[in-house]
Amino acid sequence: MFHFHQVSQEPLANVAVSTASAASNVVIAAKQGYFVRVVSGLLMAAGTVDVTIEDSAGTNISGLVALTAQTGFIIPECAAGAFDTPADKGLNILLGQAIQVSGYIRYQYVKNPTVS
């Protein structure tokens, strides 16, 4: 879900991504009363790996992206946000294989408009 009408007063932040666990890896923790808005990012794989971006409940935000060694993908800079997690959910990266994936995610927390 994307909340076009919801503008954040929270600062932008960067988080480094460096994981190699064939699991759902926490990248950005959930914050009660907020959703996570991703504004840009970069992920690179050291080997062949299936990558899916999901929320902290395990719901897919992206489809599966099959990467090969020394490939990756960019989430282009978008001040309005490329995508949001649902409210009260963080952002995880699910790796299908135990292969190193590194990069960064630029994000901000946005207050859930249904919470006063």
PDB file of N, CA and C in Angstrom:
ATOM      1  N   MET A   1       0.848  -1.170   0.000  1.00  0.00           N
ATOM      2  CA  MET A   1       0.000   0.000   0.000  1.00  0.00           C
ATOM      3  C   MET A   1       0.888   1.225   0.000  1.00  0.00           C
ATOM      4  N   PHE A   2       0.507   2.200  -0.799  1.00  0.00           N
ATOM      5  CA  PHE A   2       1.289   3.426  -0.846  1.00  0.00           C
ATOM      6  C   PHE A   2       0.401   4.584  -0.419  1.00  0.00           C
ATOM      7  N   HIS A   3       0.893   5.411   0.453  1.00  0.00           N
ATOM      8  CA  HIS A   3       0.130   6.504   1.035  1.00  0.00           C
ATOM      9  C   HIS A   3       0.586   7.826   0.434  1.00  0.00           C
ATOM     10  N   PHE A   4       0.179   8.099  -0.832  1.00  0.00           N
ATOM     11  CA  PHE A   4       0.627   9.307  -1.521  1.00  0.00           C
ATOM     12  C   PHE A   4       0.324  10.572  -0.728  1.00  0.00           C
ATOM     13  N   HIS A   5      -0.810  10.592  -0.074  1.00  0.00           N
ATOM     14  CA  HIS A   5      -1.250  11.800   0.623  1.00  0.00           C
ATOM     15  C   HIS A   5      -0.501  12.035   1.928  1.00  0.00           C
ATOM     16  N   GLN A   6       0.180  11.049   2.411  1.00  0.00           N
ATOM     17  CA  GLN A   6       0.815  11.141   3.719  1.00  0.00           C
ATOM     18  C   GLN A   6       2.254  11.621   3.578  1.00  0.00           C
ATOM     19  N   VAL A   7       2.529  12.824   4.047  1.00  0.00           N
ATOM     20  CA  VAL A   7       3.877  13.390   4.013  1.00  0.00           C
ATOM     21  C   VAL A   7       4.528  13.151   5.365  1.00  0.00           C
ATOM     22  N   SER A   8       5.791  12.788   5.346  1.00  0.00           N
ATOM     23  CA  SER A   8       6.488  12.496   6.593  1.00  0.00           C
ATOM     24  C   SER A   8       7.270  13.702   7.087  1.00  0.00           C
ATOM     25  N   GLN A   9       7.261  13.882   8.382  1.00  0.00           N
ATOM     26  CA  GLN A   9       8.096  14.883   9.020  1.00  0.00           C
ATOM     27  C   GLN A   9       9.356  14.239   9.603  1.00  0.00           C
ATOM     28  N   GLU A  10       9.467  12.936   9.455  1.00  0.00           N
ATOM     29  CA  GLU A  10      10.617  12.203   9.970  1.00  0.00           C
ATOM     30  C   GLU A  10      11.812  12.379   9.014  1.00  0.00           C
ATOM     31  N   PRO A  11      13.022  12.376   9.553  1.00  0.00           N
ATOM     32  CA  PRO A  11      14.202  12.530   8.680  1.00  0.00           C
ATOM     33  C   PRO A  11      14.447  11.271   7.852  1.00  0.00           C
ATOM     34  N   LEU A  12      15.124  11.449   6.714  1.00  0.00           N
ATOM     35  CA  LEU A  12      15.569  10.309   5.927  1.00  0.00           C
ATOM     36  C   LEU A  12      16.731   9.636   6.650  1.00  0.00           C
ATOM     37  N   ALA A  13      16.821   8.335   6.504  1.00  0.00           N
ATOM     38  CA  ALA A  13      17.903   7.577   7.123  1.00  0.00           C
ATOM     39  C   ALA A  13      18.417   6.550   6.119  1.00  0.00           C
ATOM     40  N   ASN A  14      19.640   6.114   6.313  1.00  0.00           N
ATOM     41  CA  ASN A  14      20.236   5.052   5.492  1.00  0.00           C
ATOM     42  C   ASN A  14      20.534   3.865   6.387  1.00  0.00           C
ATOM     43  N   VAL A  15      20.331   2.679   5.843  1.00  0.00           N
ATOM     44  CA  VAL A  15      20.718   1.472   6.561  1.00  0.00           C
ATOM     45  C   VAL A  15      21.561   0.629   5.606  1.00  0.00           C
ATOM     46  N   ALA A  16      22.699   0.163   6.114  1.00  0.00           N
ATOM     47  CA  ALA A  16      23.552  -0.725   5.334  1.00  0.00           C
ATOM     48  C   ALA A  16      22.952  -2.122   5.334  1.00  0.00           C
ATOM     49  N   VAL A  17      22.991  -2.775   4.195  1.00  0.00           N
ATOM     50  CA  VAL A  17      22.531  -4.148   4.070  1.00  0.00           C
ATOM     51  C   VAL A  17      23.752  -5.028   3.866  1.00  0.00           C
ATOM     52  N   SER A  18      23.896  -6.030   4.701  1.00  0.00           N
ATOM     53  CA  SER A  18      24.977  -6.995   4.570  1.00  0.00           C
ATOM     54  C   SER A  18      24.516  -8.283   5.238  1.00  0.00           C
ATOM     55  N   THR A  19      24.041  -9.209   4.422  1.00  0.00           N
ATOM     56  CA  THR A  19      23.518 -10.452   4.968  1.00  0.00           C
ATOM     57  C   THR A  19      23.804 -11.603   4.028  1.00  0.00           C
ATOM     58  N   ALA A  20      23.869 -12.784   4.589  1.00  0.00           N
ATOM     59  CA  ALA A  20      24.107 -13.985   3.788  1.00  0.00           C
ATOM     60  C   ALA A  20      23.290 -15.156   4.322  1.00  0.00           C
ATOM     61  N   SER A  21      22.255 -14.884   5.091  1.00  0.00           N
ATOM     62  CA  SER A  21      21.427 -15.946   5.669  1.00  0.00           C
ATOM     63  C   SER A  21      20.272 -16.284   4.743  1.00  0.00           C
ATOM     64  N   ALA A  22      20.103 -17.566   4.469  1.00  0.00           N
ATOM     65  CA  ALA A  22      18.976 -18.030   3.657  1.00  0.00           C
ATOM     66  C   ALA A  22      17.734 -17.995   4.539  1.00  0.00           C
ATOM     67  N   ALA A  23      17.233 -16.778   4.750  1.00  0.00           N
ATOM     68  CA  ALA A  23      16.123 -16.559   5.671  1.00  0.00           C
ATOM     69  C   ALA A  23      15.553 -15.176   5.413  1.00  0.00           C
ATOM     70  N   SER A  24      14.558 -14.821   6.191  1.00  0.00           N
ATOM     71  CA  SER A  24      14.014 -13.465   6.160  1.00  0.00           C
ATOM     72  C   SER A  24      14.860 -12.614   7.095  1.00  0.00           C
ATOM     73  N   ASN A  25      15.597 -11.666   6.528  1.00  0.00           N
ATOM     74  CA  ASN A  25      16.560 -10.865   7.273  1.00  0.00           C
ATOM     75  C   ASN A  25      16.007  -9.471   7.537  1.00  0.00           C
ATOM     76  N   VAL A  26      15.972  -9.078   8.805  1.00  0.00           N
ATOM     77  CA  VAL A  26      15.467  -7.759   9.185  1.00  0.00           C
ATOM     78  C   VAL A  26      16.431  -6.690   8.684  1.00  0.00           C
ATOM     79  N   VAL A  27      15.891  -5.708   7.954  1.00  0.00           N
ATOM     80  CA  VAL A  27      16.685  -4.596   7.458  1.00  0.00           C
ATOM     81  C   VAL A  27      16.299  -3.313   8.189  1.00  0.00           C
ATOM     82  N   ILE A  28      14.988  -3.086   8.335  1.00  0.00           N
ATOM     83  CA  ILE A  28      14.485  -1.903   9.034  1.00  0.00           C
ATOM     84  C   ILE A  28      13.427  -2.374  10.029  1.00  0.00           C
ATOM     85  N   ALA A  29      13.634  -2.064  11.299  1.00  0.00           N
ATOM     86  CA  ALA A  29      12.709  -2.496  12.340  1.00  0.00           C
ATOM     87  C   ALA A  29      11.366  -1.779  12.227  1.00  0.00           C
ATOM     88  N   ALA A  30      10.328  -2.455  12.649  1.00  0.00           N
ATOM     89  CA  ALA A  30       8.999  -1.853  12.714  1.00  0.00           C
ATOM     90  C   ALA A  30       8.986  -0.773  13.784  1.00  0.00           C
ATOM     91  N   LYS A  31       8.149   0.225  13.589  1.00  0.00           N
ATOM     92  CA  LYS A  31       7.961   1.286  14.566  1.00  0.00           C
ATOM     93  C   LYS A  31       6.454   1.451  14.754  1.00  0.00           C
ATOM     94  N   GLN A  32       5.990   1.252  15.976  1.00  0.00           N
ATOM     95  CA  GLN A  32       4.554   1.294  16.272  1.00  0.00           C
ATOM     96  C   GLN A  32       3.945   2.625  15.850  1.00  0.00           C
ATOM     97  N   GLY A  33       2.839   2.566  15.089  1.00  0.00           N
ATOM     98  CA  GLY A  33       2.150   3.771  14.647  1.00  0.00           C
ATOM     99  C   GLY A  33       2.720   4.371  13.369  1.00  0.00           C
ATOM    100  N   TYR A  34       3.686   3.695  12.749  1.00  0.00           N
ATOM    101  CA  TYR A  34       4.340   4.192  11.543  1.00  0.00           C
ATOM    102  C   TYR A  34       4.441   3.080  10.507  1.00  0.00           C
ATOM    103  N   PHE A  35       4.614   3.469   9.255  1.00  0.00           N
ATOM    104  CA  PHE A  35       5.012   2.531   8.223  1.00  0.00           C
ATOM    105  C   PHE A  35       6.366   2.987   7.693  1.00  0.00           C
ATOM    106  N   VAL A  36       7.056   2.117   6.988  1.00  0.00           N
ATOM    107  CA  VAL A  36       8.375   2.415   6.435  1.00  0.00           C
ATOM    108  C   VAL A  36       8.202   2.817   4.977  1.00  0.00           C
ATOM    109  N   ARG A  37       8.719   3.979   4.601  1.00  0.00           N
ATOM    110  CA  ARG A  37       8.711   4.433   3.208  1.00  0.00           C
ATOM    111  C   ARG A  37      10.130   4.323   2.664  1.00  0.00           C
ATOM    112  N   VAL A  38      10.322   3.489   1.662  1.00  0.00           N
ATOM    113  CA  VAL A  38      11.626   3.336   1.011  1.00  0.00           C
ATOM    114  C   VAL A  38      11.700   4.342  -0.126  1.00  0.00           C
ATOM    115  N   VAL A  39      12.759   5.172  -0.118  1.00  0.00           N
ATOM    116  CA  VAL A  39      12.912   6.193  -1.155  1.00  0.00           C
ATOM    117  C   VAL A  39      14.007   5.849  -2.172  1.00  0.00           C
ATOM    118  N   SER A  40      14.925   4.937  -1.826  1.00  0.00           N
ATOM    119  CA  SER A  40      15.927   4.472  -2.784  1.00  0.00           C
ATOM    120  C   SER A  40      16.701   3.315  -2.173  1.00  0.00           C
ATOM    121  N   GLY A  41      17.529   2.694  -2.992  1.00  0.00           N
ATOM    122  CA  GLY A  41      18.350   1.606  -2.488  1.00  0.00           C
ATOM    123  C   GLY A  41      19.167   0.949  -3.574  1.00  0.00           C
ATOM    124  N   LEU A  42      20.041   0.078  -3.133  1.00  0.00           N
ATOM    125  CA  LEU A  42      20.898  -0.692  -4.020  1.00  0.00           C
ATOM    126  C   LEU A  42      21.207  -2.013  -3.328  1.00  0.00           C
ATOM    127  N   LEU A  43      21.028  -3.112  -4.034  1.00  0.00           N
ATOM    128  CA  LEU A  43      21.391  -4.421  -3.511  1.00  0.00           C
ATOM    129  C   LEU A  43      22.222  -5.141  -4.561  1.00  0.00           C
ATOM    130  N   MET A  44      23.325  -5.755  -4.127  1.00  0.00           N
ATOM    131  CA  MET A  44      24.230  -6.502  -5.004  1.00  0.00           C
ATOM    132  C   MET A  44      24.466  -7.886  -4.398  1.00  0.00           C
ATOM    133  N   ALA A  45      24.536  -8.892  -5.271  1.00  0.00           N
ATOM    134  CA  ALA A  45      24.732 -10.273  -4.832  1.00  0.00           C
ATOM    135  C   ALA A  45      26.137 -10.760  -5.172  1.00  0.00           C
ATOM    136  N   ALA A  46      26.731 -11.518  -4.268  1.00  0.00           N
ATOM    137  CA  ALA A  46      28.054 -12.099  -4.507  1.00  0.00           C
ATOM    138  C   ALA A  46      27.966 -13.376  -5.332  1.00  0.00           C
ATOM    139  N   GLY A  47      26.784 -13.982  -5.379  1.00  0.00           N
ATOM    140  CA  GLY A  47      26.578 -15.220  -6.139  1.00  0.00           C
ATOM    141  C   GLY A  47      25.124 -15.320  -6.548  1.00  0.00           C
ATOM    142  N   THR A  48      24.742 -16.461  -7.074  1.00  0.00           N
ATOM    143  CA  THR A  48      23.367 -16.658  -7.523  1.00  0.00           C
ATOM    144  C   THR A  48      22.446 -16.805  -6.314  1.00  0.00           C
ATOM    145  N   VAL A  49      21.432 -15.943  -6.258  1.00  0.00           N
ATOM    146  CA  VAL A  49      20.521 -15.921  -5.110  1.00  0.00           C
ATOM    147  C   VAL A  49      19.170 -15.354  -5.534  1.00  0.00           C
ATOM    148  N   ASP A  50      18.109 -15.877  -4.932  1.00  0.00           N
ATOM    149  CA  ASP A  50      16.765 -15.340  -5.121  1.00  0.00           C
ATOM    150  C   ASP A  50      16.481 -14.370  -3.984  1.00  0.00           C
ATOM    151  N   VAL A  51      16.059 -13.147  -4.328  1.00  0.00           N
ATOM    152  CA  VAL A  51      15.820 -12.083  -3.348  1.00  0.00           C
ATOM    153  C   VAL A  51      14.372 -11.623  -3.447  1.00  0.00           C
ATOM    154  N   THR A  52      13.719 -11.489  -2.303  1.00  0.00           N
ATOM    155  CA  THR A  52      12.373 -10.931  -2.248  1.00  0.00           C
ATOM    156  C   THR A  52      12.334  -9.905  -1.126  1.00  0.00           C
ATOM    157  N   ILE A  53      11.798  -8.741  -1.399  1.00  0.00           N
ATOM    158  CA  ILE A  53      11.591  -7.727  -0.355  1.00  0.00           C
ATOM    159  C   ILE A  53      10.222  -8.004   0.250  1.00  0.00           C
ATOM    160  N   GLU A  54      10.180  -8.043   1.578  1.00  0.00           N
ATOM    161  CA  GLU A  54       8.929  -8.336   2.267  1.00  0.00           C
ATOM    162  C   GLU A  54       8.797  -7.489   3.515  1.00  0.00           C
ATOM    163  N   ASP A  55       7.579  -7.452   4.067  1.00  0.00           N
ATOM    164  CA  ASP A  55       7.406  -6.760   5.346  1.00  0.00           C
ATOM    165  C   ASP A  55       7.768  -7.716   6.472  1.00  0.00           C
ATOM    166  N   SER A  56       7.777  -7.208   7.694  1.00  0.00           N
ATOM    167  CA  SER A  56       8.223  -8.016   8.833  1.00  0.00           C
ATOM    168  C   SER A  56       7.255  -9.131   9.199  1.00  0.00           C
ATOM    169  N   ALA A  57       6.076  -9.158   8.573  1.00  0.00           N
ATOM    170  CA  ALA A  57       5.134 -10.260   8.788  1.00  0.00           C
ATOM    171  C   ALA A  57       5.321 -11.352   7.738  1.00  0.00           C
ATOM    172  N   GLY A  58       6.240 -11.132   6.789  1.00  0.00           N
ATOM    173  CA  GLY A  58       6.510 -12.123   5.758  1.00  0.00           C
ATOM    174  C   GLY A  58       5.667 -11.977   4.506  1.00  0.00           C
ATOM    175  N   THR A  59       4.968 -10.845   4.365  1.00  0.00           N
ATOM    176  CA  THR A  59       4.170 -10.587   3.162  1.00  0.00           C
ATOM    177  C   THR A  59       5.055  -9.944   2.103  1.00  0.00           C
ATOM    178  N   ASN A  60       5.017 -10.488   0.902  1.00  0.00           N
ATOM    179  CA  ASN A  60       5.858  -9.970  -0.171  1.00  0.00           C
ATOM    180  C   ASN A  60       5.483  -8.545  -0.552  1.00  0.00           C
ATOM    181  N   ILE A  61       6.496  -7.702  -0.682  1.00  0.00           N
ATOM    182  CA  ILE A  61       6.341  -6.352  -1.235  1.00  0.00           C
ATOM    183  C   ILE A  61       6.790  -6.379  -2.692  1.00  0.00           C
ATOM    184  N   SER A  62       7.838  -7.148  -2.971  1.00  0.00           N
ATOM    185  CA  SER A  62       8.296  -7.335  -4.352  1.00  0.00           C
ATOM    186  C   SER A  62       8.061  -8.778  -4.744  1.00  0.00           C
ATOM    187  N   GLY A  63       8.179  -9.023  -6.022  1.00  0.00           N
ATOM    188  CA  GLY A  63       8.240 -10.396  -6.489  1.00  0.00           C
ATOM    189  C   GLY A  63       9.655 -10.910  -6.302  1.00  0.00           C
ATOM    190  N   LEU A  64       9.855 -12.169  -6.600  1.00  0.00           N
ATOM    191  CA  LEU A  64      11.179 -12.764  -6.498  1.00  0.00           C
ATOM    192  C   LEU A  64      12.076 -12.183  -7.585  1.00  0.00           C
ATOM    193  N   VAL A  65      13.273 -11.756  -7.186  1.00  0.00           N
ATOM    194  CA  VAL A  65      14.275 -11.245  -8.124  1.00  0.00           C
ATOM    195  C   VAL A  65      15.439 -12.234  -8.110  1.00  0.00           C
ATOM    196  N   ALA A  66      15.678 -12.885  -9.243  1.00  0.00           N
ATOM    197  CA  ALA A  66      16.759 -13.867  -9.351  1.00  0.00           C
ATOM    198  C   ALA A  66      18.034 -13.144  -9.785  1.00  0.00           C
ATOM    199  N   LEU A  67      19.016 -13.126  -8.896  1.00  0.00           N
ATOM    200  CA  LEU A  67      20.288 -12.457  -9.182  1.00  0.00           C
ATOM    201  C   LEU A  67      21.379 -13.492  -9.417  1.00  0.00           C
ATOM    202  N   THR A  68      22.332 -13.142 -10.261  1.00  0.00           N
ATOM    203  CA  THR A  68      23.508 -13.976 -10.462  1.00  0.00           C
ATOM    204  C   THR A  68      24.708 -13.244  -9.868  1.00  0.00           C
ATOM    205  N   ALA A  69      25.840 -13.899  -9.835  1.00  0.00           N
ATOM    206  CA  ALA A  69      27.042 -13.325  -9.223  1.00  0.00           C
ATOM    207  C   ALA A  69      27.366 -11.948  -9.788  1.00  0.00           C
ATOM    208  N   GLN A  70      27.642 -11.027  -8.887  1.00  0.00           N
ATOM    209  CA  GLN A  70      28.036  -9.653  -9.207  1.00  0.00           C
ATOM    210  C   GLN A  70      26.954  -8.872  -9.959  1.00  0.00           C
ATOM    211  N   THR A  71      25.695  -9.228  -9.697  1.00  0.00           N
ATOM    212  CA  THR A  71      24.582  -8.448 -10.239  1.00  0.00           C
ATOM    213  C   THR A  71      23.743  -7.934  -9.084  1.00  0.00           C
ATOM    214  N   GLY A  72      22.844  -7.030  -9.395  1.00  0.00           N
ATOM    215  CA  GLY A  72      21.996  -6.479  -8.362  1.00  0.00           C
ATOM    216  C   GLY A  72      20.876  -5.669  -8.964  1.00  0.00           C
ATOM    217  N   PHE A  73      20.295  -4.836  -8.143  1.00  0.00           N
ATOM    218  CA  PHE A  73      19.268  -3.940  -8.643  1.00  0.00           C
ATOM    219  C   PHE A  73      19.243  -2.661  -7.829  1.00  0.00           C
ATOM    220  N   ILE A  74      18.728  -1.631  -8.468  1.00  0.00           N
ATOM    221  CA  ILE A  74      18.619  -0.303  -7.859  1.00  0.00           C
ATOM    222  C   ILE A  74      17.150   0.009  -7.643  1.00  0.00           C
ATOM    223  N   ILE A  75      16.851   0.598  -6.515  1.00  0.00           N
ATOM    224  CA  ILE A  75      15.546   1.219  -6.288  1.00  0.00           C
ATOM    225  C   ILE A  75      15.803   2.701  -6.546  1.00  0.00           C
ATOM    226  N   PRO A  76      15.334   3.231  -7.679  1.00  0.00           N
ATOM    227  CA  PRO A  76      15.652   4.617  -8.036  1.00  0.00           C
ATOM    228  C   PRO A  76      15.152   5.617  -6.990  1.00  0.00           C
ATOM    229  N   GLU A  77      15.899   6.696  -6.818  1.00  0.00           N
ATOM    230  CA  GLU A  77      15.533   7.762  -5.881  1.00  0.00           C
ATOM    231  C   GLU A  77      14.153   8.302  -6.237  1.00  0.00           C
ATOM    232  N   CYS A  78      13.272   8.319  -5.260  1.00  0.00           N
ATOM    233  CA  CYS A  78      11.917   8.842  -5.441  1.00  0.00           C
ATOM    234  C   CYS A  78      11.527   9.534  -4.136  1.00  0.00           C
ATOM    235  N   ALA A  79      11.535  10.866  -4.131  1.00  0.00           N
ATOM    236  CA  ALA A  79      11.269  11.629  -2.907  1.00  0.00           C
ATOM    237  C   ALA A  79       9.907  11.294  -2.312  1.00  0.00           C
ATOM    238  N   ALA A  80       8.942  10.964  -3.159  1.00  0.00           N
ATOM    239  CA  ALA A  80       7.608  10.601  -2.661  1.00  0.00           C
ATOM    240  C   ALA A  80       7.570   9.174  -2.139  1.00  0.00           C
ATOM    241  N   GLY A  81       8.632   8.421  -2.382  1.00  0.00           N
ATOM    242  CA  GLY A  81       8.717   7.045  -1.925  1.00  0.00           C
ATOM    243  C   GLY A  81       8.503   6.058  -3.052  1.00  0.00           C
ATOM    244  N   ALA A  82       9.351   5.054  -3.111  1.00  0.00           N
ATOM    245  CA  ALA A  82       9.206   3.994  -4.106  1.00  0.00           C
ATOM    246  C   ALA A  82       8.135   3.007  -3.679  1.00  0.00           C
ATOM    247  N   PHE A  83       8.094   2.690  -2.373  1.00  0.00           N
ATOM    248  CA  PHE A  83       7.051   1.827  -1.815  1.00  0.00           C
ATOM    249  C   PHE A  83       7.036   1.967  -0.308  1.00  0.00           C
ATOM    250  N   ASP A  84       5.935   1.545   0.295  1.00  0.00           N
ATOM    251  CA  ASP A  84       5.745   1.570   1.749  1.00  0.00           C
ATOM    252  C   ASP A  84       5.482   0.158   2.251  1.00  0.00           C
ATOM    253  N   THR A  85       5.844  -0.090   3.502  1.00  0.00           N
ATOM    254  CA  THR A  85       5.374  -1.295   4.179  1.00  0.00           C
ATOM    255  C   THR A  85       3.988  -0.982   4.734  1.00  0.00           C
ATOM    256  N   PRO A  86       3.245  -1.996   5.140  1.00  0.00           N
ATOM    257  CA  PRO A  86       2.011  -1.719   5.875  1.00  0.00           C
ATOM    258  C   PRO A  86       2.346  -1.073   7.227  1.00  0.00           C
ATOM    259  N   ALA A  87       1.373  -0.428   7.822  1.00  0.00           N
ATOM    260  CA  ALA A  87       1.569   0.201   9.133  1.00  0.00           C
ATOM    261  C   ALA A  87       2.022  -0.839  10.153  1.00  0.00           C
ATOM    262  N   ASP A  88       2.907  -0.412  11.041  1.00  0.00           N
ATOM    263  CA  ASP A  88       3.425  -1.234  12.136  1.00  0.00           C
ATOM    264  C   ASP A  88       4.269  -2.422  11.673  1.00  0.00           C
ATOM    265  N   LYS A  89       4.748  -2.384  10.433  1.00  0.00           N
ATOM    266  CA  LYS A  89       5.586  -3.461   9.902  1.00  0.00           C
ATOM    267  C   LYS A  89       6.932  -2.894   9.474  1.00  0.00           C
ATOM    268  N   GLY A  90       7.980  -3.664   9.703  1.00  0.00           N
ATOM    269  CA  GLY A  90       9.314  -3.295   9.256  1.00  0.00           C
ATOM    270  C   GLY A  90       9.575  -3.842   7.867  1.00  0.00           C
ATOM    271  N   LEU A  91      10.827  -3.760   7.443  1.00  0.00           N
ATOM    272  CA  LEU A  91      11.224  -4.212   6.111  1.00  0.00           C
ATOM    273  C   LEU A  91      12.255  -5.322   6.240  1.00  0.00           C
ATOM    274  N   ASN A  92      12.017  -6.426   5.559  1.00  0.00           N
ATOM    275  CA  ASN A  92      12.925  -7.566   5.555  1.00  0.00           C
ATOM    276  C   ASN A  92      13.350  -7.873   4.134  1.00  0.00           C
ATOM    277  N   ILE A  93      14.485  -8.565   4.007  1.00  0.00           N
ATOM    278  CA  ILE A  93      14.925  -9.098   2.732  1.00  0.00           C
ATOM    279  C   ILE A  93      15.037 -10.609   2.891  1.00  0.00           C
ATOM    280  N   LEU A  94      14.270 -11.324   2.086  1.00  0.00           N
ATOM    281  CA  LEU A  94      14.271 -12.782   2.107  1.00  0.00           C
ATOM    282  C   LEU A  94      15.260 -13.294   1.064  1.00  0.00           C
ATOM    283  N   LEU A  95      16.236 -14.074   1.519  1.00  0.00           N
ATOM    284  CA  LEU A  95      17.199 -14.695   0.608  1.00  0.00           C
ATOM    285  C   LEU A  95      16.861 -16.168   0.475  1.00  0.00           C
ATOM    286  N   GLY A  96      16.820 -16.652  -0.766  1.00  0.00           N
ATOM    287  CA  GLY A  96      16.511 -18.053  -1.017  1.00  0.00           C
ATOM    288  C   GLY A  96      17.708 -18.965  -0.811  1.00  0.00           C
ATOM    289  N   GLN A  97      18.911 -18.401  -0.847  1.00  0.00           N
ATOM    290  CA  GLN A  97      20.137 -19.162  -0.661  1.00  0.00           C
ATOM    291  C   GLN A  97      21.074 -18.366   0.254  1.00  0.00           C
ATOM    292  N   ALA A  98      22.009 -19.082   0.867  1.00  0.00           N
ATOM    293  CA  ALA A  98      22.965 -18.433   1.775  1.00  0.00           C
ATOM    294  C   ALA A  98      24.095 -17.806   0.951  1.00  0.00           C
ATOM    295  N   ILE A  99      23.793 -16.689   0.322  1.00  0.00           N
ATOM    296  CA  ILE A  99      24.740 -15.950  -0.521  1.00  0.00           C
ATOM    297  C   ILE A  99      24.799 -14.512  -0.010  1.00  0.00           C
ATOM    298  N   GLN A 100      25.973 -13.925   0.018  1.00  0.00           N
ATOM    299  CA  GLN A 100      26.133 -12.539   0.482  1.00  0.00           C
ATOM    300  C   GLN A 100      25.379 -11.564  -0.420  1.00  0.00           C
ATOM    301  N   VAL A 101      24.550 -10.738   0.209  1.00  0.00           N
ATOM    302  CA  VAL A 101      23.864  -9.633  -0.468  1.00  0.00           C
ATOM    303  C   VAL A 101      24.182  -8.377   0.336  1.00  0.00           C
ATOM    304  N   SER A 102      24.653  -7.348  -0.355  1.00  0.00           N
ATOM    305  CA  SER A 102      25.073  -6.116   0.308  1.00  0.00           C
ATOM    306  C   SER A 102      24.512  -4.914  -0.424  1.00  0.00           C
ATOM    307  N   GLY A 103      24.475  -3.800   0.263  1.00  0.00           N
ATOM    308  CA  GLY A 103      24.027  -2.555  -0.347  1.00  0.00           C
ATOM    309  C   GLY A 103      23.504  -1.609   0.711  1.00  0.00           C
ATOM    310  N   TYR A 104      22.466  -0.855   0.347  1.00  0.00           N
ATOM    311  CA  TYR A 104      21.873   0.096   1.292  1.00  0.00           C
ATOM    312  C   TYR A 104      20.408   0.318   0.936  1.00  0.00           C
ATOM    313  N   ILE A 105      19.661   0.780   1.909  1.00  0.00           N
ATOM    314  CA  ILE A 105      18.277   1.216   1.723  1.00  0.00           C
ATOM    315  C   ILE A 105      18.165   2.598   2.371  1.00  0.00           C
ATOM    316  N   ARG A 106      17.602   3.551   1.644  1.00  0.00           N
ATOM    317  CA  ARG A 106      17.324   4.898   2.169  1.00  0.00           C
ATOM    318  C   ARG A 106      15.820   4.955   2.423  1.00  0.00           C
ATOM    319  N   TYR A 107      15.451   5.375   3.634  1.00  0.00           N
ATOM    320  CA  TYR A 107      14.055   5.273   4.043  1.00  0.00           C
ATOM    321  C   TYR A 107      13.695   6.359   5.050  1.00  0.00           C
ATOM    322  N   GLN A 108      12.408   6.397   5.384  1.00  0.00           N
ATOM    323  CA  GLN A 108      11.943   7.217   6.487  1.00  0.00           C
ATOM    324  C   GLN A 108      10.692   6.560   7.066  1.00  0.00           C
ATOM    325  N   TYR A 109      10.467   6.829   8.330  1.00  0.00           N
ATOM    326  CA  TYR A 109       9.231   6.394   8.977  1.00  0.00           C
ATOM    327  C   TYR A 109       8.163   7.443   8.692  1.00  0.00           C
ATOM    328  N   VAL A 110       6.952   6.994   8.399  1.00  0.00           N
ATOM    329  CA  VAL A 110       5.835   7.881   8.122  1.00  0.00           C
ATOM    330  C   VAL A 110       4.704   7.510   9.071  1.00  0.00           C
ATOM    331  N   LYS A 111       4.175   8.508   9.759  1.00  0.00           N
ATOM    332  CA  LYS A 111       3.109   8.264  10.740  1.00  0.00           C
ATOM    333  C   LYS A 111       1.886   7.706  10.037  1.00  0.00           C
ATOM    334  N   ASN A 112       1.319   6.668  10.639  1.00  0.00           N
ATOM    335  CA  ASN A 112       0.107   6.055  10.130  1.00  0.00           C
ATOM    336  C   ASN A 112      -1.039   7.067  10.274  1.00  0.00           C
ATOM    337  N   PRO A 113      -1.712   7.434   9.177  1.00  0.00           N
ATOM    338  CA  PRO A 113      -2.762   8.457   9.264  1.00  0.00           C
ATOM    339  C   PRO A 113      -3.971   8.024  10.084  1.00  0.00           C
ATOM    340  N   THR A 114      -4.102   6.736  10.368  1.00  0.00           N
ATOM    341  CA  THR A 114      -5.254   6.268  11.159  1.00  0.00           C
ATOM    342  C   THR A 114      -4.973   6.299  12.653  1.00  0.00           C
ATOM    343  N   VAL A 115      -3.746   6.658  13.037  1.00  0.00           N
ATOM    344  CA  VAL A 115      -3.363   6.723  14.459  1.00  0.00           C
ATOM    345  C   VAL A 115      -3.263   8.197  14.843  1.00  0.00           C
ATOM    346  N   SER A 116      -3.941   8.570  15.909  1.00  0.00           N
ATOM    347  CA  SER A 116      -3.876   9.980  16.329  1.00  0.00           C
ATOM    348  C   SER A 116      -2.759  10.250  17.311  1.00  0.00           C
TER     349      SER A 116
END
